[in-house]
Amino acid sequence: MNKRLNIGILISGRGSNLQAIIDGIERDVIAARVTVVISNEPDAYGLTRARTHGIPTRVVDHRSYRGREAFEDQLIKTLKEFQAELVVLAGFMRVLTPHFLQAFPLRVVNIHPALLPAFPGLDVQRKAADYGVRFSGCTVHFVDEGVDAGPIIAQAVVPVYPTDTGETLAERILKMEHQVYPRVIHWIATGKVRVEGRRVFVDGAKMDEHLSPIEPSF
């Protein structure tokens, strides 16, 4: 792969999706490079993961800023310093405002552990299990001004069993996240993704790849 998309990854915690993305890049199946990993939590384990692979890291602690705009200004400044062309949210536990999104229009993606538009927000694996749905999964979407409301790029489905708890369902969904998120980043990096209104098209993708059924392959 010659041309690689510069991506900046925002995290708050352990960074398992970050690791899946790094692994995909190192296997040369994602046409991208991680130019910086930024955490709002100084002790996030994802920072250690990034440093292990020689990726620059920065801490932008939201508690150190007087208001969201000042915090987001620093995020924007840091991402642009590292020439990030796509912003990838990988367990980033802060809601981004229009102020941030205007700096990266349709260039911010997120993965959510539910089949949007069902179960937006937090603690969604437990909510899905408690509700008694038979299927759940994960959704990769562009981030817009709503909460978990942006155009959907891909979804992967997992079964929900009557004995599931939020924890057991979360483990099953996470395995799918690690497959789907790298694939979507590669699609974007290779210019295959286009958006028309709320609909997202992936040029050249097979229908089953685009829909990402129960067992998606990378």
Protein backbone atom coordinates (compact mmCIF):
# COMPACT_ATOMS: atom_id res chain seq x y z
CA MET A 1 0.00 0.00 0.00
CA ASN A 2 1.52 3.33 -1.05
CA LYS A 3 -0.75 6.20 -0.01
CA ARG A 4 -1.80 5.94 3.60
CA LEU A 5 -4.41 8.02 5.39
CA ASN A 6 -3.23 9.82 8.52
CA ILE A 7 -5.54 9.01 11.42
CA GLY A 8 -5.67 10.39 14.93
CA ILE A 9 -7.27 8.16 17.55
CA LEU A 10 -9.05 9.45 20.66
CA ILE A 11 -9.31 7.12 23.65
CA SER A 12 -10.28 7.16 27.31
CA GLY A 13 -9.53 3.63 28.47
CA ARG A 14 -7.86 0.33 27.72
CA GLY A 15 -7.80 0.76 23.95
CA SER A 16 -8.74 -2.69 22.67
CA ASN A 17 -10.15 -1.25 19.43
CA LEU A 18 -7.01 0.86 19.16
CA GLN A 19 -5.01 -2.37 19.33
CA ALA A 20 -7.14 -3.97 16.61
CA ILE A 21 -6.49 -0.98 14.35
CA ILE A 22 -2.74 -1.02 15.05
CA ASP A 23 -2.63 -4.76 14.34
CA GLY A 24 -4.44 -4.27 11.03
CA ILE A 25 -2.03 -1.55 9.98
CA GLU A 26 0.97 -3.68 10.89
CA ARG A 27 -0.50 -6.59 8.89
CA ASP A 28 -0.76 -4.14 5.96
CA VAL A 29 -4.51 -4.60 5.56
CA ILE A 30 -5.43 -1.02 6.49
CA ALA A 31 -4.17 1.75 4.20
CA ALA A 32 -3.58 4.15 7.07
CA ARG A 33 -1.09 5.15 9.72
CA VAL A 34 -1.79 6.32 13.25
CA THR A 35 -0.04 9.66 13.64
CA VAL A 36 -1.13 10.28 17.23
CA VAL A 37 -3.17 8.73 20.04
CA ILE A 38 -4.80 11.24 22.39
CA SER A 39 -6.39 10.39 25.72
CA ASN A 40 -8.40 12.59 28.04
CA GLU A 41 -7.46 10.20 30.85
CA PRO A 42 -3.77 10.28 31.86
CA ASP A 43 -3.79 6.67 33.09
CA ALA A 44 -5.54 5.13 30.08
CA TYR A 45 -3.91 1.81 29.21
CA GLY A 46 -4.38 2.58 25.53
CA LEU A 47 -1.50 5.06 25.82
CA THR A 48 0.79 2.20 26.80
CA ARG A 49 -0.41 0.17 23.82
CA ALA A 50 0.41 3.05 21.47
CA ARG A 51 3.84 3.70 22.97
CA THR A 52 4.69 0.00 22.66
CA HIS A 53 4.26 0.39 18.90
CA GLY A 54 6.19 3.65 18.70
CA ILE A 55 3.11 5.81 18.12
CA PRO A 56 3.21 9.38 19.48
CA THR A 57 0.80 9.98 22.38
CA ARG A 58 -0.65 13.04 24.04
CA VAL A 59 -2.81 13.58 27.10
CA VAL A 60 -5.48 16.29 26.87
CA ASP A 61 -7.20 16.10 30.24
CA HIS A 62 -10.64 17.69 29.99
CA ARG A 63 -10.46 18.60 33.69
CA SER A 64 -7.60 20.99 32.97
CA TYR A 65 -9.67 23.27 30.75
CA ARG A 66 -12.30 25.86 31.52
CA GLY A 67 -15.14 24.61 29.40
CA ARG A 68 -15.64 22.23 26.50
CA GLU A 69 -14.60 24.66 23.80
CA ALA A 70 -11.16 25.19 25.32
CA PHE A 71 -10.75 21.42 25.70
CA GLU A 72 -11.80 20.78 22.13
CA ASP A 73 -9.56 23.58 20.85
CA GLN A 74 -6.60 21.69 22.28
CA LEU A 75 -7.79 18.44 20.72
CA ILE A 76 -8.13 20.14 17.34
CA LYS A 77 -4.72 21.79 17.66
CA THR A 78 -3.04 18.50 18.55
CA LEU A 79 -4.75 16.52 15.78
CA LYS A 80 -3.79 19.13 13.20
CA GLU A 81 -0.24 19.25 14.54
CA PHE A 82 -0.01 15.55 13.69
CA GLN A 83 -1.77 16.07 10.34
CA ALA A 84 -4.71 13.80 11.15
CA GLU A 85 -7.05 13.46 8.19
CA LEU A 86 -9.54 11.18 9.95
CA VAL A 87 -10.46 11.20 13.64
CA VAL A 88 -11.24 7.76 15.07
CA LEU A 89 -13.05 7.49 18.39
CA ALA A 90 -12.04 4.27 20.14
CA GLY A 91 -13.68 4.27 23.55
CA PHE A 92 -13.49 8.06 23.88
CA MET A 93 -15.88 8.91 26.68
CA ARG A 94 -16.57 12.56 25.90
CA VAL A 95 -19.37 13.94 23.75
CA LEU A 96 -17.94 16.12 20.99
CA THR A 97 -19.70 19.39 20.24
CA PRO A 98 -20.38 21.05 16.87
CA HIS A 99 -17.33 23.23 17.56
CA PHE A 100 -15.07 20.18 17.19
CA LEU A 101 -17.03 18.54 14.38
CA GLN A 102 -16.84 21.66 12.22
CA ALA A 103 -13.06 21.25 12.20
CA PHE A 104 -13.38 17.71 10.78
CA PRO A 105 -16.63 17.60 8.76
CA LEU A 106 -17.63 13.99 8.04
CA ARG A 107 -14.13 12.99 9.15
CA VAL A 108 -14.96 11.68 12.63
CA VAL A 109 -16.02 8.05 13.07
CA ASN A 110 -17.16 6.10 16.10
CA ILE A 111 -18.05 2.53 16.98
CA HIS A 112 -21.05 1.89 19.23
CA PRO A 113 -21.81 -1.46 20.92
CA ALA A 114 -25.43 -1.72 19.76
CA LEU A 115 -27.42 -1.76 16.55
CA LEU A 116 -28.26 1.91 16.14
CA PRO A 117 -30.69 3.58 16.21
CA ALA A 118 -31.62 1.15 19.00
CA PHE A 119 -29.93 1.69 22.36
CA PRO A 120 -27.91 4.87 21.97
CA GLY A 121 -25.96 6.23 24.93
CA LEU A 122 -24.22 4.31 27.70
CA ASP A 123 -24.47 0.84 29.29
CA VAL A 124 -26.21 -0.38 26.15
CA GLN A 125 -25.16 -4.03 26.36
CA ARG A 126 -26.98 -4.41 29.68
CA LYS A 127 -29.98 -2.52 28.31
CA ALA A 128 -30.17 -4.81 25.29
CA ALA A 129 -29.87 -7.95 27.43
CA ASP A 130 -32.46 -6.70 29.93
CA TYR A 131 -34.86 -5.73 27.15
CA GLY A 132 -34.81 -9.27 25.81
CA VAL A 133 -33.83 -8.52 22.21
CA ARG A 134 -32.70 -11.55 20.21
CA PHE A 135 -29.96 -9.75 18.29
CA SER A 136 -27.57 -6.95 19.08
CA GLY A 137 -24.19 -5.98 17.72
CA CYS A 138 -22.09 -2.96 16.88
CA THR A 139 -22.39 0.04 14.59
CA VAL A 140 -19.68 2.11 12.92
CA HIS A 141 -20.98 5.55 12.06
CA PHE A 142 -19.95 9.05 11.22
CA VAL A 143 -20.28 11.39 14.18
CA ASP A 144 -22.70 14.27 13.86
CA GLU A 145 -24.25 16.69 16.35
CA GLY A 146 -26.61 14.09 17.79
CA VAL A 147 -25.67 11.38 20.29
CA ASP A 148 -24.93 8.16 18.36
CA ALA A 149 -27.03 9.56 15.54
CA GLY A 150 -24.72 9.99 12.54
CA PRO A 151 -24.92 8.15 9.20
CA ILE A 152 -24.30 4.41 9.59
CA ILE A 153 -21.38 2.93 7.65
CA ALA A 154 -21.52 -0.71 8.76
CA GLN A 155 -23.09 -2.96 11.38
CA ALA A 156 -22.28 -6.42 12.68
CA VAL A 157 -24.85 -8.63 14.38
CA VAL A 158 -24.49 -11.06 17.27
CA PRO A 159 -27.14 -13.23 18.92
CA VAL A 160 -28.43 -12.37 22.37
CA TYR A 161 -29.16 -15.38 24.57
CA PRO A 162 -31.74 -15.45 27.38
CA THR A 163 -28.93 -16.14 29.85
CA ASP A 164 -26.85 -13.16 28.72
CA THR A 165 -25.81 -10.41 31.08
CA GLY A 166 -24.48 -7.07 30.00
CA GLU A 167 -20.96 -8.41 30.54
CA THR A 168 -21.30 -11.59 28.48
CA LEU A 169 -23.01 -9.75 25.66
CA ALA A 170 -20.34 -7.04 25.73
CA GLU A 171 -17.61 -9.67 25.26
CA ARG A 172 -19.37 -11.10 22.21
CA ILE A 173 -19.92 -7.68 20.67
CA LEU A 174 -16.34 -6.58 21.31
CA LYS A 175 -15.00 -9.44 19.20
CA MET A 176 -17.08 -8.11 16.30
CA GLU A 177 -15.92 -4.54 16.92
CA HIS A 178 -12.34 -5.67 16.44
CA GLN A 179 -13.24 -7.04 12.99
CA VAL A 180 -15.57 -4.34 11.71
CA TYR A 181 -13.80 -1.15 12.78
CA PRO A 182 -10.49 -1.87 10.98
CA ARG A 183 -12.41 -2.83 7.84
CA VAL A 184 -14.35 0.45 7.81
CA ILE A 185 -11.20 2.50 8.37
CA HIS A 186 -9.64 0.76 5.36
CA TRP A 187 -12.71 1.55 3.27
CA ILE A 188 -12.45 5.22 4.17
CA ALA A 189 -8.68 5.26 3.69
CA THR A 190 -9.04 3.87 0.16
CA GLY A 191 -11.76 6.33 -0.82
CA LYS A 192 -14.57 3.79 -1.05
CA VAL A 193 -17.02 5.51 1.29
CA ARG A 194 -19.44 8.18 0.12
CA VAL A 195 -22.39 9.74 1.91
CA GLU A 196 -25.67 10.83 0.36
CA GLY A 197 -27.94 12.29 3.00
CA ARG A 198 -28.18 9.62 5.69
CA ARG A 199 -27.19 6.80 3.36
CA VAL A 200 -23.62 5.58 3.20
CA PHE A 201 -22.37 3.73 0.13
CA VAL A 202 -19.21 1.63 -0.02
CA ASP A 203 -17.98 1.47 -3.60
CA GLY A 204 -16.87 -1.99 -4.64
CA ALA A 205 -18.02 -3.72 -1.45
CA LYS A 206 -20.13 -6.83 -1.73
CA MET A 207 -23.60 -6.55 -0.28
CA ASP A 208 -22.85 -8.99 2.52
CA GLU A 209 -19.68 -7.05 3.38
CA HIS A 210 -21.58 -3.79 3.49
CA LEU A 211 -24.27 -5.24 5.76
CA SER A 212 -21.71 -7.07 7.91
CA PRO A 213 -23.78 -10.11 8.97
CA ILE A 214 -23.25 -12.30 12.01
CA GLU A 215 -19.80 -13.54 10.95
CA PRO A 216 -18.10 -10.76 8.99
CA SER A 217 -14.68 -11.52 7.53
CA PHE A 218 -12.03 -8.83 7.31
